[in-house]
Amino acid sequence: MSLSPSSVAVQPDGEFAFGSADFERVRQLIYQRAGISLHNGKQAMVYSRLSRRLRETGHRSFASYLQALETARGAAADAEWQEFVNCLTTNLTAFFREEHHFHALAEELRKPGAHIQRIWCCAASTGEEPYSLAMTVLEHSPNPQNVRILASDIDTKVLGTAQRGVYDAGSRGLSPERLRRHFLRGTGANAGRMKVKPELARLVSFFAFNLMSPSRDLGEPFDAVFCRNVMIYFDAPTQMQVLQRLHRTMRPGALLYVGHSENFGDARTLFKLRGKTIYERL
């Protein structure tokens, strides 16, 4: 990650002092904490997202906030670091996004003697992806009760939404049949909302997880891992580091599903291409 200072001062509006040195400091901190590589065009995004946190904490400049962030200790410091990461993560998702992956997973589930019992969704966001996985399991697995889906995200706020499992009834990606089968329609004050049914929710376990953290025991090896549109926020060395960690969590022959713009040809000793943005663990 390049940390050479920009010669252009950054101050999208006059509310908070925010210069190029502040932006470089944010870049360095989020890279160290979450592996996210911010390029020079992200100044306005950083200002917009973190300025909300400055208002909430009472700081009048980014320098003041960042100094407090780096020097604080204890539980309060841990909580503020999490808020910092939450502000700078991007959460774009939908039910059955990049739908070909769910068709491919359905084919794997239907194969005679299929061994898909543990699935990890690495970027659960607000829950649409892991619940799409759960719907696919219920619809195509001969033994859905034997399948467990672990769904993680680094952003604790979006995980709260995912765990509640309540969405706008007009959410895209869902057919009328799936709406009837897998969701409860809200009435009265909850009209226009829907909630995942208990049999769907039971398949998914949510937890906070930083892909850059030291290795953590996630139990038995996974049969499938969905890590989609995550690597695009990492530089090449970080991508390789994450791929090595994912490799260690998967059984040989397990499938890794990635985003449409992600290509891991440099990881030929770890994975081989099996299909459109689907890799097999070697």
C-alpha atoms as a PDB file:
ATOM      1  CA  MET A   1       0.000   0.000   0.000  1.00  0.00           C
ATOM      2  CA  SER A   2       1.444   3.374  -0.985  1.00  0.00           C
ATOM      3  CA  LEU A   3       1.342   5.966   1.756  1.00  0.00           C
ATOM      4  CA  SER A   4       3.032   8.841  -0.045  1.00  0.00           C
ATOM      5  CA  PRO A   5       1.344  12.091   1.036  1.00  0.00           C
ATOM      6  CA  SER A   6      -0.941  13.863  -1.357  1.00  0.00           C
ATOM      7  CA  SER A   7      -0.036  17.444  -2.184  1.00  0.00           C
ATOM      8  CA  VAL A   8      -3.695  18.428  -2.293  1.00  0.00           C
ATOM      9  CA  ALA A   9      -5.458  19.412   0.910  1.00  0.00           C
ATOM     10  CA  VAL A  10      -8.766  17.627   1.431  1.00  0.00           C
ATOM     11  CA  GLN A  11     -11.699  19.479   2.963  1.00  0.00           C
ATOM     12  CA  PRO A  12     -15.020  18.760   1.246  1.00  0.00           C
ATOM     13  CA  ASP A  13     -16.834  21.260   3.478  1.00  0.00           C
ATOM     14  CA  GLY A  14     -15.910  23.550   6.356  1.00  0.00           C
ATOM     15  CA  GLU A  15     -17.336  21.562   9.264  1.00  0.00           C
ATOM     16  CA  PHE A  16     -14.204  19.617  10.235  1.00  0.00           C
ATOM     17  CA  ALA A  17     -10.509  20.153   9.593  1.00  0.00           C
ATOM     18  CA  PHE A  18      -9.433  17.383   7.232  1.00  0.00           C
ATOM     19  CA  GLY A  19      -6.168  17.612   5.329  1.00  0.00           C
ATOM     20  CA  SER A  20      -4.082  15.265   3.215  1.00  0.00           C
ATOM     21  CA  ALA A  21      -2.110  14.137   6.286  1.00  0.00           C
ATOM     22  CA  ASP A  22      -5.373  13.094   7.968  1.00  0.00           C
ATOM     23  CA  PHE A  23      -6.414  11.086   4.925  1.00  0.00           C
ATOM     24  CA  GLU A  24      -3.043   9.304   4.795  1.00  0.00           C
ATOM     25  CA  ARG A  25      -3.383   8.497   8.487  1.00  0.00           C
ATOM     26  CA  VAL A  26      -6.842   7.001   7.924  1.00  0.00           C
ATOM     27  CA  ARG A  27      -5.503   4.983   4.997  1.00  0.00           C
ATOM     28  CA  GLN A  28      -2.739   3.540   7.121  1.00  0.00           C
ATOM     29  CA  LEU A  29      -4.992   2.700  10.072  1.00  0.00           C
ATOM     30  CA  ILE A  30      -7.722   0.956   8.070  1.00  0.00           C
ATOM     31  CA  TYR A  31      -5.074  -0.986   6.143  1.00  0.00           C
ATOM     32  CA  GLN A  32      -3.494  -2.173   9.378  1.00  0.00           C
ATOM     33  CA  ARG A  33      -6.826  -3.058  10.996  1.00  0.00           C
ATOM     34  CA  ALA A  34      -8.803  -4.554   8.116  1.00  0.00           C
ATOM     35  CA  GLY A  35      -6.482  -4.899   5.130  1.00  0.00           C
ATOM     36  CA  ILE A  36      -8.572  -2.369   3.182  1.00  0.00           C
ATOM     37  CA  SER A  37      -6.539  -0.417   0.631  1.00  0.00           C
ATOM     38  CA  LEU A  38      -7.969   3.059  -0.021  1.00  0.00           C
ATOM     39  CA  HIS A  39      -6.787   4.840  -3.161  1.00  0.00           C
ATOM     40  CA  ASN A  40      -6.411   8.579  -3.530  1.00  0.00           C
ATOM     41  CA  GLY A  41      -9.886   9.036  -4.952  1.00  0.00           C
ATOM     42  CA  LYS A  42     -11.540   8.051  -1.656  1.00  0.00           C
ATOM     43  CA  GLN A  43     -10.990  11.308   0.259  1.00  0.00           C
ATOM     44  CA  ALA A  44     -14.596  12.475  -0.011  1.00  0.00           C
ATOM     45  CA  MET A  45     -15.902   9.043   0.994  1.00  0.00           C
ATOM     46  CA  VAL A  46     -13.649   8.945   4.066  1.00  0.00           C
ATOM     47  CA  TYR A  47     -14.696  12.458   5.072  1.00  0.00           C
ATOM     48  CA  SER A  48     -18.398  11.716   4.644  1.00  0.00           C
ATOM     49  CA  ARG A  49     -18.362   8.467   6.593  1.00  0.00           C
ATOM     50  CA  LEU A  50     -16.050   9.433   9.441  1.00  0.00           C
ATOM     51  CA  SER A  51     -17.469  12.917   9.929  1.00  0.00           C
ATOM     52  CA  ARG A  52     -20.615  11.277  11.335  1.00  0.00           C
ATOM     53  CA  ARG A  53     -18.433   9.597  13.941  1.00  0.00           C
ATOM     54  CA  LEU A  54     -16.734  12.893  14.799  1.00  0.00           C
ATOM     55  CA  ARG A  55     -20.136  14.447  15.503  1.00  0.00           C
ATOM     56  CA  GLU A  56     -21.112  11.539  17.730  1.00  0.00           C
ATOM     57  CA  THR A  57     -17.860  11.665  19.715  1.00  0.00           C
ATOM     58  CA  GLY A  58     -17.612  15.461  19.945  1.00  0.00           C
ATOM     59  CA  HIS A  59     -14.328  15.904  18.093  1.00  0.00           C
ATOM     60  CA  ARG A  60     -13.818  19.030  16.021  1.00  0.00           C
ATOM     61  CA  SER A  61     -11.085  17.749  13.721  1.00  0.00           C
ATOM     62  CA  PHE A  62      -9.915  14.488  12.224  1.00  0.00           C
ATOM     63  CA  ALA A  63      -6.509  14.944  13.841  1.00  0.00           C
ATOM     64  CA  SER A  64      -8.148  15.081  17.273  1.00  0.00           C
ATOM     65  CA  TYR A  65     -10.307  12.023  16.611  1.00  0.00           C
ATOM     66  CA  LEU A  66      -7.480   9.932  15.188  1.00  0.00           C
ATOM     67  CA  GLN A  67      -5.165  10.872  18.042  1.00  0.00           C
ATOM     68  CA  ALA A  68      -7.797   9.780  20.562  1.00  0.00           C
ATOM     69  CA  LEU A  69      -8.383   6.578  18.616  1.00  0.00           C
ATOM     70  CA  GLU A  70      -4.710   5.619  18.631  1.00  0.00           C
ATOM     71  CA  THR A  71      -4.001   6.463  22.248  1.00  0.00           C
ATOM     72  CA  ALA A  72      -7.127   5.077  23.956  1.00  0.00           C
ATOM     73  CA  ARG A  73      -6.922   1.783  25.813  1.00  0.00           C
ATOM     74  CA  GLY A  74      -9.320  -0.812  27.185  1.00  0.00           C
ATOM     75  CA  ALA A  75     -12.834  -1.832  26.222  1.00  0.00           C
ATOM     76  CA  ALA A  76     -13.851   1.672  25.149  1.00  0.00           C
ATOM     77  CA  ALA A  77     -10.914   1.788  22.746  1.00  0.00           C
ATOM     78  CA  ASP A  78     -11.843  -1.596  21.278  1.00  0.00           C
ATOM     79  CA  ALA A  79     -15.399  -0.381  20.760  1.00  0.00           C
ATOM     80  CA  GLU A  80     -14.229   2.795  19.009  1.00  0.00           C
ATOM     81  CA  TRP A  81     -11.884   0.872  16.718  1.00  0.00           C
ATOM     82  CA  GLN A  82     -14.889  -1.241  15.733  1.00  0.00           C
ATOM     83  CA  GLU A  83     -16.890   1.921  14.979  1.00  0.00           C
ATOM     84  CA  PHE A  84     -13.979   3.193  12.872  1.00  0.00           C
ATOM     85  CA  VAL A  85     -13.933  -0.027  10.843  1.00  0.00           C
ATOM     86  CA  ASN A  86     -17.724  -0.061  10.557  1.00  0.00           C
ATOM     87  CA  CYS A  87     -17.662   3.441   9.059  1.00  0.00           C
ATOM     88  CA  LEU A  88     -15.163   2.537   6.351  1.00  0.00           C
ATOM     89  CA  THR A  89     -16.487  -0.810   5.169  1.00  0.00           C
ATOM     90  CA  THR A  90     -18.712  -1.001   2.099  1.00  0.00           C
ATOM     91  CA  ASN A  91     -21.877  -3.096   2.217  1.00  0.00           C
ATOM     92  CA  LEU A  92     -23.527  -3.633  -1.152  1.00  0.00           C
ATOM     93  CA  THR A  93     -25.679  -6.732  -1.309  1.00  0.00           C
ATOM     94  CA  ALA A  94     -28.970  -8.214  -2.476  1.00  0.00           C
ATOM     95  CA  PHE A  95     -30.805 -11.518  -2.419  1.00  0.00           C
ATOM     96  CA  PHE A  96     -29.371 -13.947  -5.006  1.00  0.00           C
ATOM     97  CA  ARG A  97     -26.842 -11.413  -6.252  1.00  0.00           C
ATOM     98  CA  GLU A  98     -24.707 -12.967  -9.028  1.00  0.00           C
ATOM     99  CA  GLU A  99     -27.350 -15.653  -9.328  1.00  0.00           C
ATOM    100  CA  HIS A 100     -25.234 -18.158 -11.289  1.00  0.00           C
ATOM    101  CA  HIS A 101     -23.387 -19.017  -8.066  1.00  0.00           C
ATOM    102  CA  PHE A 102     -26.591 -20.215  -6.427  1.00  0.00           C
ATOM    103  CA  HIS A 103     -27.456 -22.336  -9.457  1.00  0.00           C
ATOM    104  CA  ALA A 104     -23.972 -23.865  -9.248  1.00  0.00           C
ATOM    105  CA  LEU A 105     -24.369 -24.533  -5.521  1.00  0.00           C
ATOM    106  CA  ALA A 106     -27.779 -26.138  -6.169  1.00  0.00           C
ATOM    107  CA  GLU A 107     -26.147 -28.510  -8.667  1.00  0.00           C
ATOM    108  CA  GLU A 108     -23.536 -29.484  -6.075  1.00  0.00           C
ATOM    109  CA  LEU A 109     -26.227 -30.090  -3.448  1.00  0.00           C
ATOM    110  CA  ARG A 110     -28.203 -32.357  -5.798  1.00  0.00           C
ATOM    111  CA  LYS A 111     -25.267 -34.548  -6.815  1.00  0.00           C
ATOM    112  CA  PRO A 112     -25.517 -38.168  -5.600  1.00  0.00           C
ATOM    113  CA  GLY A 113     -23.350 -38.531  -2.515  1.00  0.00           C
ATOM    114  CA  ALA A 114     -22.829 -34.780  -2.286  1.00  0.00           C
ATOM    115  CA  HIS A 115     -20.833 -33.707   0.751  1.00  0.00           C
ATOM    116  CA  ILE A 116     -21.890 -30.128   1.378  1.00  0.00           C
ATOM    117  CA  GLN A 117     -22.600 -29.751   5.084  1.00  0.00           C
ATOM    118  CA  ARG A 118     -20.567 -26.697   6.084  1.00  0.00           C
ATOM    119  CA  ILE A 119     -20.720 -23.414   4.181  1.00  0.00           C
ATOM    120  CA  TRP A 120     -18.954 -20.184   5.144  1.00  0.00           C
ATOM    121  CA  CYS A 121     -20.190 -16.808   3.923  1.00  0.00           C
ATOM    122  CA  CYS A 122     -17.241 -14.476   4.641  1.00  0.00           C
ATOM    123  CA  ALA A 123     -18.997 -11.170   3.977  1.00  0.00           C
ATOM    124  CA  ALA A 124     -22.530 -11.561   5.296  1.00  0.00           C
ATOM    125  CA  SER A 125     -23.282  -7.833   5.289  1.00  0.00           C
ATOM    126  CA  THR A 126     -26.983  -7.311   6.140  1.00  0.00           C
ATOM    127  CA  GLY A 127     -27.789 -10.987   5.597  1.00  0.00           C
ATOM    128  CA  GLU A 128     -29.189 -11.262   2.084  1.00  0.00           C
ATOM    129  CA  GLU A 129     -26.348 -13.497   0.885  1.00  0.00           C
ATOM    130  CA  PRO A 130     -26.367 -16.064   3.715  1.00  0.00           C
ATOM    131  CA  TYR A 131     -30.164 -16.248   3.638  1.00  0.00           C
ATOM    132  CA  SER A 132     -29.979 -16.804  -0.140  1.00  0.00           C
ATOM    133  CA  LEU A 133     -27.608 -19.676   0.619  1.00  0.00           C
ATOM    134  CA  ALA A 134     -30.066 -21.035   3.184  1.00  0.00           C
ATOM    135  CA  MET A 135     -32.936 -20.865   0.684  1.00  0.00           C
ATOM    136  CA  THR A 136     -30.814 -22.729  -1.841  1.00  0.00           C
ATOM    137  CA  VAL A 137     -30.071 -25.416   0.741  1.00  0.00           C
ATOM    138  CA  LEU A 138     -33.733 -25.814   1.710  1.00  0.00           C
ATOM    139  CA  GLU A 139     -34.784 -26.037  -1.918  1.00  0.00           C
ATOM    140  CA  HIS A 140     -32.110 -28.435  -3.203  1.00  0.00           C
ATOM    141  CA  SER A 141     -30.403 -30.385  -0.428  1.00  0.00           C
ATOM    142  CA  PRO A 142     -31.831 -33.856   0.277  1.00  0.00           C
ATOM    143  CA  ASN A 143     -30.860 -33.354   3.937  1.00  0.00           C
ATOM    144  CA  PRO A 144     -31.018 -29.607   4.673  1.00  0.00           C
ATOM    145  CA  GLN A 145     -31.123 -30.264   8.420  1.00  0.00           C
ATOM    146  CA  ASN A 146     -27.506 -31.468   8.179  1.00  0.00           C
ATOM    147  CA  VAL A 147     -26.210 -28.269   6.601  1.00  0.00           C
ATOM    148  CA  ARG A 148     -24.782 -25.396   8.640  1.00  0.00           C
ATOM    149  CA  ILE A 149     -24.039 -21.949   7.235  1.00  0.00           C
ATOM    150  CA  LEU A 150     -21.579 -19.759   9.113  1.00  0.00           C
ATOM    151  CA  ALA A 151     -21.960 -16.107   8.166  1.00  0.00           C
ATOM    152  CA  SER A 152     -19.404 -13.535   9.234  1.00  0.00           C
ATOM    153  CA  ASP A 153     -18.610  -9.882   8.640  1.00  0.00           C
ATOM    154  CA  ILE A 154     -16.148  -7.375  10.014  1.00  0.00           C
ATOM    155  CA  ASP A 155     -18.934  -4.767  10.373  1.00  0.00           C
ATOM    156  CA  THR A 156     -20.897  -5.393  13.562  1.00  0.00           C
ATOM    157  CA  LYS A 157     -23.714  -2.998  12.663  1.00  0.00           C
ATOM    158  CA  VAL A 158     -24.707  -4.831   9.498  1.00  0.00           C
ATOM    159  CA  LEU A 159     -24.528  -8.120  11.387  1.00  0.00           C
ATOM    160  CA  GLY A 160     -27.217  -6.796  13.728  1.00  0.00           C
ATOM    161  CA  THR A 161     -29.502  -6.273  10.745  1.00  0.00           C
ATOM    162  CA  ALA A 162     -28.650  -9.748   9.426  1.00  0.00           C
ATOM    163  CA  GLN A 163     -29.454 -11.424  12.737  1.00  0.00           C
ATOM    164  CA  ARG A 164     -32.846  -9.701  12.925  1.00  0.00           C
ATOM    165  CA  GLY A 165     -33.685 -10.997   9.446  1.00  0.00           C
ATOM    166  CA  VAL A 166     -36.219  -8.256   8.733  1.00  0.00           C
ATOM    167  CA  TYR A 167     -36.290  -6.671   5.275  1.00  0.00           C
ATOM    168  CA  ASP A 168     -38.323  -4.445   3.032  1.00  0.00           C
ATOM    169  CA  ALA A 169     -41.017  -6.511   1.316  1.00  0.00           C
ATOM    170  CA  GLY A 170     -39.939  -5.018  -2.006  1.00  0.00           C
ATOM    171  CA  SER A 171     -36.363  -6.269  -1.714  1.00  0.00           C
ATOM    172  CA  ARG A 172     -35.041  -7.253  -5.127  1.00  0.00           C
ATOM    173  CA  GLY A 173     -33.921 -10.722  -6.060  1.00  0.00           C
ATOM    174  CA  LEU A 174     -36.837 -12.680  -4.572  1.00  0.00           C
ATOM    175  CA  SER A 175     -39.525 -14.407  -6.615  1.00  0.00           C
ATOM    176  CA  PRO A 176     -43.141 -14.389  -5.352  1.00  0.00           C
ATOM    177  CA  GLU A 177     -42.764 -18.125  -4.662  1.00  0.00           C
ATOM    178  CA  ARG A 178     -39.720 -17.584  -2.443  1.00  0.00           C
ATOM    179  CA  LEU A 179     -41.433 -14.741  -0.636  1.00  0.00           C
ATOM    180  CA  ARG A 180     -44.320 -17.061   0.251  1.00  0.00           C
ATOM    181  CA  ARG A 181     -42.153 -20.028   1.167  1.00  0.00           C
ATOM    182  CA  HIS A 182     -39.371 -18.408   3.187  1.00  0.00           C
ATOM    183  CA  PHE A 183     -40.719 -15.166   4.690  1.00  0.00           C
ATOM    184  CA  LEU A 184     -43.412 -13.938   7.052  1.00  0.00           C
ATOM    185  CA  ARG A 185     -45.256 -10.847   5.869  1.00  0.00           C
ATOM    186  CA  GLY A 186     -45.563  -7.975   8.297  1.00  0.00           C
ATOM    187  CA  THR A 187     -48.983  -6.574   9.221  1.00  0.00           C
ATOM    188  CA  GLY A 188     -50.179  -3.433  10.928  1.00  0.00           C
ATOM    189  CA  ALA A 189     -47.196  -1.307  11.975  1.00  0.00           C
ATOM    190  CA  ASN A 190     -44.925  -3.796  10.186  1.00  0.00           C
ATOM    191  CA  ALA A 191     -46.760  -3.644   6.863  1.00  0.00           C
ATOM    192  CA  GLY A 192     -44.306  -3.509   3.973  1.00  0.00           C
ATOM    193  CA  ARG A 193     -41.762  -5.546   5.915  1.00  0.00           C
ATOM    194  CA  MET A 194     -40.938  -9.236   5.944  1.00  0.00           C
ATOM    195  CA  LYS A 195     -39.050 -11.546   8.290  1.00  0.00           C
ATOM    196  CA  VAL A 196     -37.197 -14.767   7.510  1.00  0.00           C
ATOM    197  CA  LYS A 197     -39.038 -17.855   8.732  1.00  0.00           C
ATOM    198  CA  PRO A 198     -37.550 -19.786  11.678  1.00  0.00           C
ATOM    199  CA  GLU A 199     -36.662 -22.811   9.526  1.00  0.00           C
ATOM    200  CA  LEU A 200     -34.528 -20.522   7.347  1.00  0.00           C
ATOM    201  CA  ALA A 201     -32.936 -18.680  10.261  1.00  0.00           C
ATOM    202  CA  ARG A 202     -31.993 -21.955  11.975  1.00  0.00           C
ATOM    203  CA  LEU A 203     -29.568 -22.817   9.181  1.00  0.00           C
ATOM    204  CA  VAL A 204     -27.448 -19.665   9.677  1.00  0.00           C
ATOM    205  CA  SER A 205     -25.118 -18.638  12.516  1.00  0.00           C
ATOM    206  CA  PHE A 206     -23.782 -15.068  12.447  1.00  0.00           C
ATOM    207  CA  PHE A 207     -20.548 -13.865  14.041  1.00  0.00           C
ATOM    208  CA  ALA A 208     -18.086 -10.988  13.770  1.00  0.00           C
ATOM    209  CA  PHE A 209     -14.852 -11.904  12.004  1.00  0.00           C
ATOM    210  CA  ASN A 210     -11.900  -9.961  10.588  1.00  0.00           C
ATOM    211  CA  LEU A 211     -10.213 -11.828   7.741  1.00  0.00           C
ATOM    212  CA  MET A 212      -6.963 -10.102   8.751  1.00  0.00           C
ATOM    213  CA  SER A 213      -7.069 -11.353  12.337  1.00  0.00           C
ATOM    214  CA  PRO A 214      -4.795 -14.165  13.502  1.00  0.00           C
ATOM    215  CA  SER A 215      -6.104 -17.603  12.638  1.00  0.00           C
ATOM    216  CA  ARG A 216      -9.212 -18.596  14.535  1.00  0.00           C
ATOM    217  CA  ASP A 217     -10.618 -22.079  14.914  1.00  0.00           C
ATOM    218  CA  LEU A 218     -13.789 -22.256  12.832  1.00  0.00           C
ATOM    219  CA  GLY A 219     -14.344 -25.958  13.397  1.00  0.00           C
ATOM    220  CA  GLU A 220     -14.379 -28.688  10.784  1.00  0.00           C
ATOM    221  CA  PRO A 221     -13.196 -27.789   7.253  1.00  0.00           C
ATOM    222  CA  PHE A 222     -15.714 -26.084   4.989  1.00  0.00           C
ATOM    223  CA  ASP A 223     -17.224 -27.700   1.905  1.00  0.00           C
ATOM    224  CA  ALA A 224     -17.988 -24.352   0.260  1.00  0.00           C
ATOM    225  CA  VAL A 225     -16.866 -20.777   0.934  1.00  0.00           C
ATOM    226  CA  PHE A 226     -18.521 -17.649  -0.441  1.00  0.00           C
ATOM    227  CA  CYS A 227     -16.016 -14.782  -0.340  1.00  0.00           C
ATOM    228  CA  ARG A 228     -17.508 -12.509  -2.973  1.00  0.00           C
ATOM    229  CA  ASN A 229     -16.567  -8.912  -3.737  1.00  0.00           C
ATOM    230  CA  VAL A 230     -14.257  -8.772  -0.726  1.00  0.00           C
ATOM    231  CA  MET A 231     -10.834  -9.113  -2.329  1.00  0.00           C
ATOM    232  CA  ILE A 232     -11.405  -6.032  -4.498  1.00  0.00           C
ATOM    233  CA  TYR A 233     -10.755  -3.918  -1.386  1.00  0.00           C
ATOM    234  CA  PHE A 234      -7.353  -5.553  -0.753  1.00  0.00           C
ATOM    235  CA  ASP A 235      -3.990  -5.091  -2.443  1.00  0.00           C
ATOM    236  CA  ALA A 236      -2.255  -8.101  -4.027  1.00  0.00           C
ATOM    237  CA  PRO A 237      -0.183  -9.166  -0.965  1.00  0.00           C
ATOM    238  CA  THR A 238      -3.255  -8.980   1.278  1.00  0.00           C
ATOM    239  CA  GLN A 239      -5.311 -10.962  -1.238  1.00  0.00           C
ATOM    240  CA  MET A 240      -2.743 -13.747  -1.180  1.00  0.00           C
ATOM    241  CA  GLN A 241      -2.647 -13.722   2.615  1.00  0.00           C
ATOM    242  CA  VAL A 242      -6.441 -14.062   2.793  1.00  0.00           C
ATOM    243  CA  LEU A 243      -6.498 -16.800   0.151  1.00  0.00           C
ATOM    244  CA  GLN A 244      -3.956 -18.784   2.151  1.00  0.00           C
ATOM    245  CA  ARG A 245      -6.139 -18.458   5.250  1.00  0.00           C
ATOM    246  CA  LEU A 246      -9.255 -19.510   3.364  1.00  0.00           C
ATOM    247  CA  HIS A 247      -7.362 -22.470   1.927  1.00  0.00           C
ATOM    248  CA  ARG A 248      -6.553 -23.680   5.447  1.00  0.00           C
ATOM    249  CA  THR A 249     -10.238 -23.637   6.413  1.00  0.00           C
ATOM    250  CA  MET A 250     -11.410 -25.734   3.430  1.00  0.00           C
ATOM    251  CA  ARG A 251     -11.296 -29.454   2.710  1.00  0.00           C
ATOM    252  CA  PRO A 252      -9.569 -30.596  -0.513  1.00  0.00           C
ATOM    253  CA  GLY A 253     -12.052 -30.300  -3.370  1.00  0.00           C
ATOM    254  CA  ALA A 254     -14.140 -27.653  -1.595  1.00  0.00           C
ATOM    255  CA  LEU A 255     -15.401 -24.776  -3.727  1.00  0.00           C
ATOM    256  CA  LEU A 256     -14.588 -21.079  -3.360  1.00  0.00           C
ATOM    257  CA  TYR A 257     -17.115 -18.660  -4.884  1.00  0.00           C
ATOM    258  CA  VAL A 258     -15.758 -15.157  -5.616  1.00  0.00           C
ATOM    259  CA  GLY A 259     -16.991 -11.899  -7.119  1.00  0.00           C
ATOM    260  CA  HIS A 260     -17.425 -11.267 -10.843  1.00  0.00           C
ATOM    261  CA  SER A 261     -14.357  -8.996 -11.075  1.00  0.00           C
ATOM    262  CA  GLU A 262     -12.053 -11.128  -8.919  1.00  0.00           C
ATOM    263  CA  ASN A 263      -9.400 -13.376 -10.480  1.00  0.00           C
ATOM    264  CA  PHE A 264      -6.876 -15.462  -8.568  1.00  0.00           C
ATOM    265  CA  GLY A 265      -4.669 -16.907 -11.270  1.00  0.00           C
ATOM    266  CA  ASP A 266      -1.629 -16.120  -9.102  1.00  0.00           C
ATOM    267  CA  ALA A 267      -2.851 -18.620  -6.489  1.00  0.00           C
ATOM    268  CA  ARG A 268      -2.475 -21.684  -8.728  1.00  0.00           C
ATOM    269  CA  THR A 269      -0.896 -23.739  -5.957  1.00  0.00           C
ATOM    270  CA  LEU A 270      -3.967 -23.162  -3.761  1.00  0.00           C
ATOM    271  CA  PHE A 271      -6.973 -23.168  -6.111  1.00  0.00           C
ATOM    272  CA  LYS A 272      -7.861 -24.108  -9.668  1.00  0.00           C
ATOM    273  CA  LEU A 273     -10.646 -22.557 -11.724  1.00  0.00           C
ATOM    274  CA  ARG A 274     -13.742 -24.777 -11.798  1.00  0.00           C
ATOM    275  CA  GLY A 275     -16.325 -22.501 -13.384  1.00  0.00           C
ATOM    276  CA  LYS A 276     -17.330 -18.888 -13.781  1.00  0.00           C
ATOM    277  CA  THR A 277     -15.705 -17.238 -10.719  1.00  0.00           C
ATOM    278  CA  ILE A 278     -15.698 -20.594  -8.902  1.00  0.00           C
ATOM    279  CA  TYR A 279     -12.442 -22.157  -7.701  1.00  0.00           C
ATOM    280  CA  GLU A 280     -11.655 -25.609  -6.342  1.00  0.00           C
ATOM    281  CA  ARG A 281      -9.399 -25.961  -3.326  1.00  0.00           C
ATOM    282  CA  LEU A 282      -6.318 -28.056  -4.131  1.00  0.00           C
END
